[in-house]
C-alpha atoms as a PDB file:
ATOM      1  CA  UNK A   1     154.336 115.523  54.810  1.00  0.00           C
ATOM      2  CA  UNK A   2     152.284 115.331  57.932  1.00  0.00           C
ATOM      3  CA  UNK A   3     154.067 114.652  61.175  1.00  0.00           C
ATOM      4  CA  UNK A   4     154.100 111.125  62.130  1.00  0.00           C
ATOM      5  CA  UNK A   5     150.822 109.801  63.832  1.00  0.00           C
ATOM      6  CA  UNK A   6     149.031 112.818  62.361  1.00  0.00           C
ATOM      7  CA  UNK A   7     146.666 113.216  59.669  1.00  0.00           C
ATOM      8  CA  UNK A   8     146.997 115.964  56.981  1.00  0.00           C
ATOM      9  CA  UNK A   9     144.640 118.583  58.181  1.00  0.00           C
ATOM     10  CA  UNK A  10     142.684 118.629  54.800  1.00  0.00           C
ATOM     11  CA  UNK A  11     141.722 114.887  55.510  1.00  0.00           C
ATOM     12  CA  UNK A  12     139.161 114.483  58.315  1.00  0.00           C
ATOM     13  CA  UNK A  13     139.568 111.379  60.351  1.00  0.00           C
ATOM     14  CA  UNK A  14     136.965 108.671  60.578  1.00  0.00           C
ATOM     15  CA  UNK A  15     134.506 108.682  63.564  1.00  0.00           C
ATOM     16  CA  UNK A  16     135.965 105.209  64.642  1.00  0.00           C
ATOM     17  CA  UNK A  17     139.637 106.705  64.844  1.00  0.00           C
ATOM     18  CA  UNK A  18     138.288 109.602  67.087  1.00  0.00           C
ATOM     19  CA  UNK A  19     136.181 107.464  69.084  1.00  0.00           C
ATOM     20  CA  UNK A  20     138.916 104.988  69.882  1.00  0.00           C
ATOM     21  CA  UNK A  21     141.521 107.643  70.904  1.00  0.00           C
ATOM     22  CA  UNK A  22     138.842 109.531  73.207  1.00  0.00           C
ATOM     23  CA  UNK A  23     137.615 106.131  74.431  1.00  0.00           C
ATOM     24  CA  UNK A  24     133.938 107.187  73.459  1.00  0.00           C
ATOM     25  CA  UNK A  25     131.272 105.988  71.179  1.00  0.00           C
ATOM     26  CA  UNK A  26     131.055 107.129  67.584  1.00  0.00           C
ATOM     27  CA  UNK A  27     127.696 108.496  68.126  1.00  0.00           C
ATOM     28  CA  UNK A  28     129.155 110.881  70.975  1.00  0.00           C
ATOM     29  CA  UNK A  29     131.973 112.007  68.398  1.00  0.00           C
ATOM     30  CA  UNK A  30     129.175 112.824  65.865  1.00  0.00           C
ATOM     31  CA  UNK A  31     127.248 114.808  68.730  1.00  0.00           C
ATOM     32  CA  UNK A  32     130.433 116.939  69.443  1.00  0.00           C
ATOM     33  CA  UNK A  33     131.215 117.400  65.629  1.00  0.00           C
ATOM     34  CA  UNK A  34     127.735 118.700  65.270  1.00  0.00           C
ATOM     35  CA  UNK A  35     127.624 120.916  68.356  1.00  0.00           C
ATOM     36  CA  UNK A  36     124.731 118.826  70.066  1.00  0.00           C
ATOM     37  CA  UNK A  37     124.001 119.030  73.738  1.00  0.00           C
ATOM     38  CA  UNK A  38     123.903 116.084  76.043  1.00  0.00           C
ATOM     39  CA  UNK A  39     127.695 115.767  76.258  1.00  0.00           C
ATOM     40  CA  UNK A  40     129.477 116.180  79.292  1.00  0.00           C
ATOM     41  CA  UNK A  41     132.157 118.779  79.015  1.00  0.00           C
ATOM     42  CA  UNK A  42     135.029 116.597  80.052  1.00  0.00           C
ATOM     43  CA  UNK A  43     134.066 114.188  77.390  1.00  0.00           C
ATOM     44  CA  UNK A  44     133.635 116.768  74.773  1.00  0.00           C
ATOM     45  CA  UNK A  45     137.208 117.941  75.637  1.00  0.00           C
ATOM     46  CA  UNK A  46     138.616 114.479  75.107  1.00  0.00           C
ATOM     47  CA  UNK A  47     136.879 114.308  71.599  1.00  0.00           C
ATOM     48  CA  UNK A  48     138.251 117.643  70.736  1.00  0.00           C
ATOM     49  CA  UNK A  49     141.839 116.560  72.043  1.00  0.00           C
ATOM     50  CA  UNK A  50     141.609 113.329  69.870  1.00  0.00           C
ATOM     51  CA  UNK A  51     140.616 115.430  66.926  1.00  0.00           C
ATOM     52  CA  UNK A  52     143.504 117.728  67.429  1.00  0.00           C
ATOM     53  CA  UNK A  53     145.952 114.881  67.968  1.00  0.00           C
ATOM     54  CA  UNK A  54     144.775 113.375  64.501  1.00  0.00           C
ATOM     55  CA  UNK A  55     145.649 116.765  63.029  1.00  0.00           C
ATOM     56  CA  UNK A  56     141.933 117.988  62.642  1.00  0.00           C
ATOM     57  CA  UNK A  57     140.588 121.034  64.260  1.00  0.00           C
ATOM     58  CA  UNK A  58     136.811 121.868  64.478  1.00  0.00           C
ATOM     59  CA  UNK A  59     136.857 125.213  62.645  1.00  0.00           C
ATOM     60  CA  UNK A  60     134.150 127.617  61.442  1.00  0.00           C
ATOM     61  CA  UNK A  61     132.776 125.500  58.908  1.00  0.00           C
ATOM     62  CA  UNK A  62     131.419 122.859  61.319  1.00  0.00           C
ATOM     63  CA  UNK A  63     130.804 125.689  63.747  1.00  0.00           C
ATOM     64  CA  UNK A  64     128.453 127.141  61.244  1.00  0.00           C
ATOM     65  CA  UNK A  65     126.571 123.985  60.817  1.00  0.00           C
ATOM     66  CA  UNK A  66     123.276 123.539  62.703  1.00  0.00           C
ATOM     67  CA  UNK A  67     121.950 120.139  63.893  1.00  0.00           C
ATOM     68  CA  UNK A  68     118.981 120.209  61.234  1.00  0.00           C
ATOM     69  CA  UNK A  69     118.863 117.937  58.256  1.00  0.00           C
ATOM     70  CA  UNK A  70     116.469 119.097  55.480  1.00  0.00           C
ATOM     71  CA  UNK A  71     114.374 116.161  54.027  1.00  0.00           C
ATOM     72  CA  UNK A  72     112.780 117.191  50.655  1.00  0.00           C
ATOM     73  CA  UNK A  73     110.038 115.169  49.425  1.00  0.00           C
ATOM     74  CA  UNK A  74     107.468 115.494  46.449  1.00  0.00           C
ATOM     75  CA  UNK A  75     103.900 116.070  47.338  1.00  0.00           C
ATOM     76  CA  UNK A  76     102.792 113.979  50.212  1.00  0.00           C
ATOM     77  CA  UNK A  77      99.820 112.456  48.549  1.00  0.00           C
ATOM     78  CA  UNK A  78     101.631 109.211  47.768  1.00  0.00           C
ATOM     79  CA  UNK A  79     102.257 107.427  51.226  1.00  0.00           C
ATOM     80  CA  UNK A  80     105.485 106.170  50.203  1.00  0.00           C
ATOM     81  CA  UNK A  81     107.247 109.763  50.515  1.00  0.00           C
ATOM     82  CA  UNK A  82     105.978 110.529  53.967  1.00  0.00           C
ATOM     83  CA  UNK A  83     106.947 106.760  55.002  1.00  0.00           C
ATOM     84  CA  UNK A  84     110.445 107.574  53.857  1.00  0.00           C
ATOM     85  CA  UNK A  85     110.601 110.767  55.558  1.00  0.00           C
ATOM     86  CA  UNK A  86     109.550 109.370  58.853  1.00  0.00           C
ATOM     87  CA  UNK A  87     112.053 106.358  58.696  1.00  0.00           C
ATOM     88  CA  UNK A  88     114.940 108.710  57.759  1.00  0.00           C
ATOM     89  CA  UNK A  89     113.834 111.171  60.436  1.00  0.00           C
ATOM     90  CA  UNK A  90     113.823 108.429  63.072  1.00  0.00           C
ATOM     91  CA  UNK A  91     117.335 107.208  62.213  1.00  0.00           C
ATOM     92  CA  UNK A  92     118.908 110.623  62.096  1.00  0.00           C
ATOM     93  CA  UNK A  93     117.349 111.338  65.528  1.00  0.00           C
ATOM     94  CA  UNK A  94     119.446 108.686  67.063  1.00  0.00           C
ATOM     95  CA  UNK A  95     122.555 110.570  66.205  1.00  0.00           C
ATOM     96  CA  UNK A  96     121.209 113.789  67.397  1.00  0.00           C
ATOM     97  CA  UNK A  97     120.025 115.547  64.159  1.00  0.00           C
ATOM     98  CA  UNK A  98     116.760 117.190  63.844  1.00  0.00           C
ATOM     99  CA  UNK A  99     114.806 116.698  60.599  1.00  0.00           C
ATOM    100  CA  UNK A 100     112.768 119.234  58.801  1.00  0.00           C
ATOM    101  CA  UNK A 101     110.511 117.819  55.972  1.00  0.00           C
ATOM    102  CA  UNK A 102     109.824 120.332  53.014  1.00  0.00           C
ATOM    103  CA  UNK A 103     107.256 118.835  50.515  1.00  0.00           C
ATOM    104  CA  UNK A 104     108.143 120.495  46.967  1.00  0.00           C
ATOM    105  CA  UNK A 105     105.231 121.022  44.838  1.00  0.00           C
ATOM    106  CA  UNK A 106     104.729 122.987  41.884  1.00  0.00           C
ATOM    107  CA  UNK A 107     102.092 125.214  43.389  1.00  0.00           C
ATOM    108  CA  UNK A 108     104.121 125.863  46.665  1.00  0.00           C
ATOM    109  CA  UNK A 109     107.698 125.780  47.366  1.00  0.00           C
ATOM    110  CA  UNK A 110     109.862 124.212  44.637  1.00  0.00           C
ATOM    111  CA  UNK A 111     112.683 121.829  45.410  1.00  0.00           C
ATOM    112  CA  UNK A 112     115.462 124.604  44.508  1.00  0.00           C
ATOM    113  CA  UNK A 113     113.861 126.904  47.136  1.00  0.00           C
ATOM    114  CA  UNK A 114     114.393 124.198  49.835  1.00  0.00           C
ATOM    115  CA  UNK A 115     117.769 123.331  48.727  1.00  0.00           C
ATOM    116  CA  UNK A 116     118.614 127.195  49.041  1.00  0.00           C
ATOM    117  CA  UNK A 117     116.969 127.683  52.302  1.00  0.00           C
ATOM    118  CA  UNK A 118     118.864 124.718  53.776  1.00  0.00           C
ATOM    119  CA  UNK A 119     122.147 125.759  52.612  1.00  0.00           C
ATOM    120  CA  UNK A 120     121.485 129.119  53.743  1.00  0.00           C
ATOM    121  CA  UNK A 121     120.737 128.244  57.711  1.00  0.00           C
ATOM    122  CA  UNK A 122     123.772 125.927  57.614  1.00  0.00           C
ATOM    123  CA  UNK A 123     121.936 122.809  57.560  1.00  0.00           C
ATOM    124  CA  UNK A 124     124.218 119.725  58.525  1.00  0.00           C
ATOM    125  CA  UNK A 125     122.676 117.868  55.467  1.00  0.00           C
ATOM    126  CA  UNK A 126     120.078 117.438  52.999  1.00  0.00           C
ATOM    127  CA  UNK A 127     118.149 114.433  51.966  1.00  0.00           C
ATOM    128  CA  UNK A 128     116.174 114.563  48.636  1.00  0.00           C
ATOM    129  CA  UNK A 129     113.554 112.024  47.833  1.00  0.00           C
ATOM    130  CA  UNK A 130     112.594 111.361  44.264  1.00  0.00           C
ATOM    131  CA  UNK A 131     113.669 114.891  43.428  1.00  0.00           C
ATOM    132  CA  UNK A 132     113.927 116.874  40.093  1.00  0.00           C
ATOM    133  CA  UNK A 133     117.155 114.926  39.122  1.00  0.00           C
ATOM    134  CA  UNK A 134     114.683 112.109  38.345  1.00  0.00           C
ATOM    135  CA  UNK A 135     114.101 113.791  35.175  1.00  0.00           C
ATOM    136  CA  UNK A 136     117.300 112.975  33.405  1.00  0.00           C
ATOM    137  CA  UNK A 137     117.389 116.355  31.326  1.00  0.00           C
ATOM    138  CA  UNK A 138     117.881 118.229  34.812  1.00  0.00           C
ATOM    139  CA  UNK A 139     120.748 116.104  35.991  1.00  0.00           C
ATOM    140  CA  UNK A 140     122.869 116.214  39.395  1.00  0.00           C
ATOM    141  CA  UNK A 141     124.599 119.618  38.871  1.00  0.00           C
ATOM    142  CA  UNK A 142     122.658 121.343  41.742  1.00  0.00           C
ATOM    143  CA  UNK A 143     123.529 118.524  44.184  1.00  0.00           C
ATOM    144  CA  UNK A 144     127.100 118.334  43.020  1.00  0.00           C
ATOM    145  CA  UNK A 145     127.381 122.189  43.813  1.00  0.00           C
ATOM    146  CA  UNK A 146     125.947 121.494  47.202  1.00  0.00           C
ATOM    147  CA  UNK A 147     128.569 118.786  47.958  1.00  0.00           C
ATOM    148  CA  UNK A 148     131.275 120.977  46.692  1.00  0.00           C
ATOM    149  CA  UNK A 149     130.235 123.625  49.078  1.00  0.00           C
ATOM    150  CA  UNK A 150     130.670 121.181  51.839  1.00  0.00           C
ATOM    151  CA  UNK A 151     126.877 120.323  52.316  1.00  0.00           C
ATOM    152  CA  UNK A 152     126.330 116.518  52.694  1.00  0.00           C
ATOM    153  CA  UNK A 153     123.523 115.317  50.460  1.00  0.00           C
ATOM    154  CA  UNK A 154     121.832 112.018  49.889  1.00  0.00           C
ATOM    155  CA  UNK A 155     119.343 111.237  47.082  1.00  0.00           C
ATOM    156  CA  UNK A 156     116.659 108.539  47.506  1.00  0.00           C
ATOM    157  CA  UNK A 157     115.111 106.794  44.460  1.00  0.00           C
ATOM    158  CA  UNK A 158     114.644 108.182  41.036  1.00  0.00           C
ATOM    159  CA  UNK A 159     118.379 108.222  40.264  1.00  0.00           C
ATOM    160  CA  UNK A 160     119.974 106.962  36.998  1.00  0.00           C
ATOM    161  CA  UNK A 161     123.808 105.780  36.595  1.00  0.00           C
ATOM    162  CA  UNK A 162     126.290 106.895  36.588  1.00  0.00           C
ATOM    163  CA  UNK A 163     125.273 108.880  39.747  1.00  0.00           C
ATOM    164  CA  UNK A 164     128.067 111.275  41.253  1.00  0.00           C
ATOM    165  CA  UNK A 165     125.934 111.967  44.445  1.00  0.00           C
ATOM    166  CA  UNK A 166     125.656 109.599  47.391  1.00  0.00           C
ATOM    167  CA  UNK A 167     122.349 108.008  47.056  1.00  0.00           C
ATOM    168  CA  UNK A 168     120.149 104.899  47.822  1.00  0.00           C
ATOM    169  CA  UNK A 169     117.648 103.439  45.392  1.00  0.00           C
ATOM    170  CA  UNK A 170     115.623 100.369  44.967  1.00  0.00           C
ATOM    171  CA  UNK A 171     115.940  98.358  41.680  1.00  0.00           C
ATOM    172  CA  UNK A 172     112.720  99.289  40.182  1.00  0.00           C
ATOM    173  CA  UNK A 173     113.470  97.234  36.743  1.00  0.00           C
ATOM    174  CA  UNK A 174     114.208  94.142  38.658  1.00  0.00           C
ATOM    175  CA  UNK A 175     110.939  94.528  40.699  1.00  0.00           C
ATOM    176  CA  UNK A 176     108.849  94.910  37.545  1.00  0.00           C
ATOM    177  CA  UNK A 177     110.465  91.640  36.262  1.00  0.00           C
ATOM    178  CA  UNK A 178     109.296  89.905  39.575  1.00  0.00           C
ATOM    179  CA  UNK A 179     105.946  91.169  39.040  1.00  0.00           C
ATOM    180  CA  UNK A 180     105.539  89.909  35.745  1.00  0.00           C
ATOM    181  CA  UNK A 181     107.232  86.425  36.612  1.00  0.00           C
ATOM    182  CA  UNK A 182     104.543  86.351  39.462  1.00  0.00           C
ATOM    183  CA  UNK A 183     101.622  87.141  37.154  1.00  0.00           C
ATOM    184  CA  UNK A 184     103.128  84.526  34.504  1.00  0.00           C
ATOM    185  CA  UNK A 185     103.208  81.734  37.122  1.00  0.00           C
ATOM    186  CA  UNK A 186      99.658  82.430  37.850  1.00  0.00           C
ATOM    187  CA  UNK A 187      98.972  81.679  34.089  1.00  0.00           C
ATOM    188  CA  UNK A 188      98.549  85.231  32.741  1.00  0.00           C
ATOM    189  CA  UNK A 189      99.676  85.596  29.207  1.00  0.00           C
ATOM    190  CA  UNK A 190      98.377  89.201  28.430  1.00  0.00           C
ATOM    191  CA  UNK A 191      99.945  91.515  30.894  1.00  0.00           C
ATOM    192  CA  UNK A 192      99.657  95.256  30.921  1.00  0.00           C
ATOM    193  CA  UNK A 193     101.681  97.967  32.664  1.00  0.00           C
ATOM    194  CA  UNK A 194     100.685 101.355  33.903  1.00  0.00           C
ATOM    195  CA  UNK A 195     103.478 103.606  34.608  1.00  0.00           C
ATOM    196  CA  UNK A 196     104.084 107.408  35.247  1.00  0.00           C
ATOM    197  CA  UNK A 197     105.511 109.737  32.810  1.00  0.00           C
ATOM    198  CA  UNK A 198     108.518 108.362  30.786  1.00  0.00           C
ATOM    199  CA  UNK A 199     110.323 111.471  31.569  1.00  0.00           C
ATOM    200  CA  UNK A 200     111.226 110.192  34.808  1.00  0.00           C
ATOM    201  CA  UNK A 201     113.865 107.528  35.687  1.00  0.00           C
ATOM    202  CA  UNK A 202     111.421 105.514  37.848  1.00  0.00           C
ATOM    203  CA  UNK A 203     108.958 105.053  35.175  1.00  0.00           C
ATOM    204  CA  UNK A 204     111.729 104.526  32.618  1.00  0.00           C
ATOM    205  CA  UNK A 205     113.173 101.754  34.722  1.00  0.00           C
ATOM    206  CA  UNK A 206     109.619 100.211  35.449  1.00  0.00           C
ATOM    207  CA  UNK A 207     108.911  99.972  31.670  1.00  0.00           C
ATOM    208  CA  UNK A 208     112.219  98.518  30.958  1.00  0.00           C
ATOM    209  CA  UNK A 209     111.713  95.954  33.456  1.00  0.00           C
ATOM    210  CA  UNK A 210     108.336  94.967  32.309  1.00  0.00           C
ATOM    211  CA  UNK A 211     109.552  94.521  28.933  1.00  0.00           C
ATOM    212  CA  UNK A 212     112.473  92.403  29.962  1.00  0.00           C
ATOM    213  CA  UNK A 213     110.029  90.424  32.180  1.00  0.00           C
ATOM    214  CA  UNK A 214     107.952  89.518  29.263  1.00  0.00           C
ATOM    215  CA  UNK A 215     110.912  88.578  27.379  1.00  0.00           C
ATOM    216  CA  UNK A 216     112.266  86.224  29.831  1.00  0.00           C
ATOM    217  CA  UNK A 217     108.900  84.489  30.083  1.00  0.00           C
ATOM    218  CA  UNK A 218     108.667  84.182  26.310  1.00  0.00           C
ATOM    219  CA  UNK A 219     105.852  86.663  25.733  1.00  0.00           C
ATOM    220  CA  UNK A 220     105.898  89.288  23.024  1.00  0.00           C
ATOM    221  CA  UNK A 221     105.785  93.086  24.092  1.00  0.00           C
ATOM    222  CA  UNK A 222     103.010  94.804  22.668  1.00  0.00           C
ATOM    223  CA  UNK A 223     103.418  98.609  23.114  1.00  0.00           C
ATOM    224  CA  UNK A 224      99.660  99.345  23.224  1.00  0.00           C
ATOM    225  CA  UNK A 225      99.821  97.377  26.675  1.00  0.00           C
ATOM    226  CA  UNK A 226     102.370  99.722  28.309  1.00  0.00           C
ATOM    227  CA  UNK A 227     100.392 103.157  29.158  1.00  0.00           C
ATOM    228  CA  UNK A 228     102.257 106.113  30.319  1.00  0.00           C
ATOM    229  CA  UNK A 229      99.919 108.304  32.562  1.00  0.00           C
ATOM    230  CA  UNK A 230     100.059 110.451  35.669  1.00  0.00           C
ATOM    231  CA  UNK A 231     101.308 109.104  39.175  1.00  0.00           C
ATOM    232  CA  UNK A 232      97.799 109.259  40.384  1.00  0.00           C
ATOM    233  CA  UNK A 233      94.615 107.136  41.165  1.00  0.00           C
ATOM    234  CA  UNK A 234      92.935 108.889  38.293  1.00  0.00           C
ATOM    235  CA  UNK A 235      95.571 108.427  35.753  1.00  0.00           C
ATOM    236  CA  UNK A 236      95.668 104.624  36.501  1.00  0.00           C
ATOM    237  CA  UNK A 237      91.886 104.187  36.284  1.00  0.00           C
ATOM    238  CA  UNK A 238      91.825 105.744  32.977  1.00  0.00           C
ATOM    239  CA  UNK A 239      94.779 103.783  31.723  1.00  0.00           C
ATOM    240  CA  UNK A 240      93.080 100.521  33.125  1.00  0.00           C
ATOM    241  CA  UNK A 241      89.859 101.062  31.030  1.00  0.00           C
ATOM    242  CA  UNK A 242      92.213 101.084  27.865  1.00  0.00           C
ATOM    243  CA  UNK A 243      94.097  97.839  29.111  1.00  0.00           C
ATOM    244  CA  UNK A 244      90.817  96.041  29.794  1.00  0.00           C
ATOM    245  CA  UNK A 245      89.494  96.626  26.470  1.00  0.00           C
ATOM    246  CA  UNK A 246      92.654  95.235  25.076  1.00  0.00           C
ATOM    247  CA  UNK A 247      92.192  92.002  26.769  1.00  0.00           C
ATOM    248  CA  UNK A 248      94.673  92.082  29.641  1.00  0.00           C
ATOM    249  CA  UNK A 249      94.170  89.776  32.466  1.00  0.00           C
ATOM    250  CA  UNK A 250      97.110  91.055  34.750  1.00  0.00           C
ATOM    251  CA  UNK A 251      98.469  94.514  35.374  1.00  0.00           C
ATOM    252  CA  UNK A 252     101.693  95.678  36.776  1.00  0.00           C
ATOM    253  CA  UNK A 253     101.267  99.224  38.432  1.00  0.00           C
ATOM    254  CA  UNK A 254     103.957 101.763  39.055  1.00  0.00           C
ATOM    255  CA  UNK A 255     102.975 102.360  42.792  1.00  0.00           C
ATOM    256  CA  UNK A 256     100.401 101.018  45.218  1.00  0.00           C
ATOM    257  CA  UNK A 257      98.628 104.454  44.802  1.00  0.00           C
ATOM    258  CA  UNK A 258      98.401 103.618  41.102  1.00  0.00           C
ATOM    259  CA  UNK A 259      97.389  99.860  41.850  1.00  0.00           C
ATOM    260  CA  UNK A 260      94.215 101.322  43.799  1.00  0.00           C
ATOM    261  CA  UNK A 261      93.307 103.139  40.807  1.00  0.00           C
ATOM    262  CA  UNK A 262      93.552  99.868  38.728  1.00  0.00           C
ATOM    263  CA  UNK A 263      91.346  98.056  41.255  1.00  0.00           C
ATOM    264  CA  UNK A 264      88.815 100.920  41.290  1.00  0.00           C
ATOM    265  CA  UNK A 265      88.578 100.968  37.447  1.00  0.00           C
ATOM    266  CA  UNK A 266      88.080  97.173  37.309  1.00  0.00           C
ATOM    267  CA  UNK A 267      85.320  97.083  39.727  1.00  0.00           C
ATOM    268  CA  UNK A 268      83.592  99.995  37.836  1.00  0.00           C
ATOM    269  CA  UNK A 269      83.664  97.728  34.886  1.00  0.00           C
ATOM    270  CA  UNK A 270      82.257  94.869  36.803  1.00  0.00           C
ATOM    271  CA  UNK A 271      85.662  92.859  36.836  1.00  0.00           C
ATOM    272  CA  UNK A 272      86.196  91.269  40.149  1.00  0.00           C
ATOM    273  CA  UNK A 273      89.795  91.347  41.571  1.00  0.00           C
ATOM    274  CA  UNK A 274      91.427  88.909  41.242  1.00  0.00           C
ATOM    275  CA  UNK A 275      89.080  86.673  39.402  1.00  0.00           C
ATOM    276  CA  UNK A 276      88.695  88.939  36.463  1.00  0.00           C
ATOM    277  CA  UNK A 277      91.732  90.931  36.608  1.00  0.00           C
ATOM    278  CA  UNK A 278      95.154  90.689  38.894  1.00  0.00           C
ATOM    279  CA  UNK A 279      97.074  93.624  39.998  1.00  0.00           C
ATOM    280  CA  UNK A 280     100.526  94.017  41.315  1.00  0.00           C
ATOM    281  CA  UNK A 281     101.583  97.412  42.945  1.00  0.00           C
ATOM    282  CA  UNK A 282     104.934  98.699  43.903  1.00  0.00           C
ATOM    283  CA  UNK A 283     106.099 100.299  47.312  1.00  0.00           C
ATOM    284  CA  UNK A 284     104.715  98.215  50.148  1.00  0.00           C
ATOM    285  CA  UNK A 285     102.960 101.256  51.749  1.00  0.00           C
ATOM    286  CA  UNK A 286     100.261 101.139  54.635  1.00  0.00           C
ATOM    287  CA  UNK A 287      97.845 101.064  51.744  1.00  0.00           C
ATOM    288  CA  UNK A 288      98.380  97.258  51.802  1.00  0.00           C
ATOM    289  CA  UNK A 289      96.063  96.758  54.760  1.00  0.00           C
ATOM    290  CA  UNK A 290      93.606  99.411  53.830  1.00  0.00           C
ATOM    291  CA  UNK A 291      92.672  98.111  50.405  1.00  0.00           C
ATOM    292  CA  UNK A 292      90.045  95.517  49.892  1.00  0.00           C
ATOM    293  CA  UNK A 293      91.255  93.172  48.632  1.00  0.00           C
ATOM    294  CA  UNK A 294      94.660  93.439  50.229  1.00  0.00           C
ATOM    295  CA  UNK A 295      97.275  94.498  47.492  1.00  0.00           C
ATOM    296  CA  UNK A 296      99.945  92.382  46.090  1.00  0.00           C
ATOM    297  CA  UNK A 297     102.938  94.578  45.760  1.00  0.00           C
ATOM    298  CA  UNK A 298     106.768  94.880  45.682  1.00  0.00           C
ATOM    299  CA  UNK A 299     107.768  96.316  48.948  1.00  0.00           C
ATOM    300  CA  UNK A 300     110.685  98.538  49.076  1.00  0.00           C
ATOM    301  CA  UNK A 301     113.127  97.741  52.129  1.00  0.00           C
ATOM    302  CA  UNK A 302     112.509 101.342  53.653  1.00  0.00           C
ATOM    303  CA  UNK A 303     113.784 100.731  57.099  1.00  0.00           C
ATOM    304  CA  UNK A 304     117.266  99.399  55.616  1.00  0.00           C
ATOM    305  CA  UNK A 305     117.401 102.297  52.912  1.00  0.00           C
ATOM    306  CA  UNK A 306     116.732 104.843  55.784  1.00  0.00           C
ATOM    307  CA  UNK A 307     119.518 103.508  57.880  1.00  0.00           C
ATOM    308  CA  UNK A 308     121.894 103.610  54.895  1.00  0.00           C
ATOM    309  CA  UNK A 309     120.846 107.390  54.368  1.00  0.00           C
ATOM    310  CA  UNK A 310     121.792 108.266  57.902  1.00  0.00           C
ATOM    311  CA  UNK A 311     125.115 106.492  57.636  1.00  0.00           C
ATOM    312  CA  UNK A 312     125.844 108.122  54.346  1.00  0.00           C
ATOM    313  CA  UNK A 313     125.221 111.439  55.849  1.00  0.00           C
ATOM    314  CA  UNK A 314     127.341 110.781  58.964  1.00  0.00           C
ATOM    315  CA  UNK A 315     130.182 109.439  56.586  1.00  0.00           C
ATOM    316  CA  UNK A 316     130.082 112.752  54.702  1.00  0.00           C
ATOM    317  CA  UNK A 317     130.608 114.678  57.998  1.00  0.00           C
ATOM    318  CA  UNK A 318     134.218 113.030  57.919  1.00  0.00           C
ATOM    319  CA  UNK A 319     134.925 113.594  54.329  1.00  0.00           C
ATOM    320  CA  UNK A 320     133.595 110.479  52.913  1.00  0.00           C
ATOM    321  CA  UNK A 321     131.790 110.429  49.430  1.00  0.00           C
ATOM    322  CA  UNK A 322     129.794 107.077  49.505  1.00  0.00           C
ATOM    323  CA  UNK A 323     128.696 105.408  46.347  1.00  0.00           C
ATOM    324  CA  UNK A 324     125.052 104.941  45.374  1.00  0.00           C
ATOM    325  CA  UNK A 325     123.701 101.603  46.885  1.00  0.00           C
ATOM    326  CA  UNK A 326     121.036  99.504  45.347  1.00  0.00           C
ATOM    327  CA  UNK A 327     118.451  97.465  47.196  1.00  0.00           C
ATOM    328  CA  UNK A 328     116.004  94.910  46.055  1.00  0.00           C
ATOM    329  CA  UNK A 329     112.171  94.987  46.492  1.00  0.00           C
ATOM    330  CA  UNK A 330     110.332  92.083  48.224  1.00  0.00           C
ATOM    331  CA  UNK A 331     107.195  90.528  46.525  1.00  0.00           C
ATOM    332  CA  UNK A 332     104.342  90.599  49.022  1.00  0.00           C
ATOM    333  CA  UNK A 333     101.581  88.232  47.889  1.00  0.00           C
ATOM    334  CA  UNK A 334      98.305  89.648  48.599  1.00  0.00           C
ATOM    335  CA  UNK A 335      94.764  89.264  47.249  1.00  0.00           C
ATOM    336  CA  UNK A 336      94.861  91.284  44.305  1.00  0.00           C
ATOM    337  CA  UNK A 337      96.677  88.585  42.057  1.00  0.00           C
ATOM    338  CA  UNK A 338      95.142  84.936  41.388  1.00  0.00           C
ATOM    339  CA  UNK A 339      94.844  82.350  38.612  1.00  0.00           C
ATOM    340  CA  UNK A 340      94.125  84.059  35.077  1.00  0.00           C
ATOM    341  CA  UNK A 341      90.584  83.907  34.367  1.00  0.00           C
ATOM    342  CA  UNK A 342      91.029  80.851  31.868  1.00  0.00           C
ATOM    343  CA  UNK A 343      92.385  79.062  34.574  1.00  0.00           C
ATOM    344  CA  UNK A 344      89.753  79.423  37.325  1.00  0.00           C
ATOM    345  CA  UNK A 345      87.593  76.393  37.936  1.00  0.00           C
END
C-alpha cells in the first residue's frame, strides 16, 4: 500500500490536485509538466514539490516529450479541415502547446508517416481529424498502440462505436434526419441524398440518418435517390444531374463543399435554387457566406469540439483515458432551401 496521503507512483495525480497543493493554476501545472518556459523558478519548484508529495516524479518519459502537438488532417481542400485545425491549435496554444499541422494525402505524406514522425520526435500528443480509422476495415489498432506507448491521442469525427480511443464527433445521422425534416416541412416529398464513399463512417452515418429521416416523415426510401460519389464539388455535380432526372425537389449533401456542387449542377440545368431545387449542406464552414445564395447547412460546433479536444489531451497527461463525446449539429437556415416547387405561388 502507498503511504497515507501519497499516491501510488503508477497513478498520476490530477492537475487540480497538484494546483491546490502548489497554490497555482492548473495551466501552470501543465506548463511545468510539459517543460514550457514562462514559469518562475520558485513556482516551478513548488509544483515539482507538490508532485513529489503526491508520490509522482517527473521522470524521463515526460522529459523526453516536447511541447508540440501534431494535428493530422486529410487534404485541406475541404474548408472544414483547416477550420478544425485552426480552432484546435488556438485552444492548445492557451496551454503552452505548439501545434504542427500535417495534411495527409495519397500523393504526399500518408497519415502513418505523420504518426511515426510525431511519435519519433516525442510530441506531447496527436490529434487526428477524419483519419484512416474512418474506414471501418482499418480500425483503431494504430492509435491504441500509440496510447499504450504513452502518447496522448484524440480523434475528431469519422469514428464508429465502440471507440476505444479518446474522441469527439458530431452526430451525422441526427444531422441528416434534421435536414430531411427541414425539407419535409417546406413541402418536399421527393428528397435525394448525395454522400461520399460508403466505405467511410461519416458517409454511412449520413445515409443511415437520411433513410431514418424519410421513415420518420412517412416517406418511402428509394435507393436510386441515394447516390454515393466522391467528396468533391465535381462528384456532387454529377450525382445531382442524376437526381434531378429522377424528380427530386430537395437534396441533402454530405458537406458544404458538395452542396456547392449541387447548386452549380442545378444552375447548369436551368434550375433556380431554391425555387427549382432546395439544398442542405453539412459542416457550417466559411463557404456559408461565400456562396450565392447562402447555404442552408447543419453547422458543427467546431469551437466547443476543439475545446474538448484540448481538455482530452491535457487529461491524458495525467493518465486519464477520456471516452468519446458526441455533439449535435445546428441547422442554419440559409437561402438554398425554400418551398417545394408545387407549393410556390
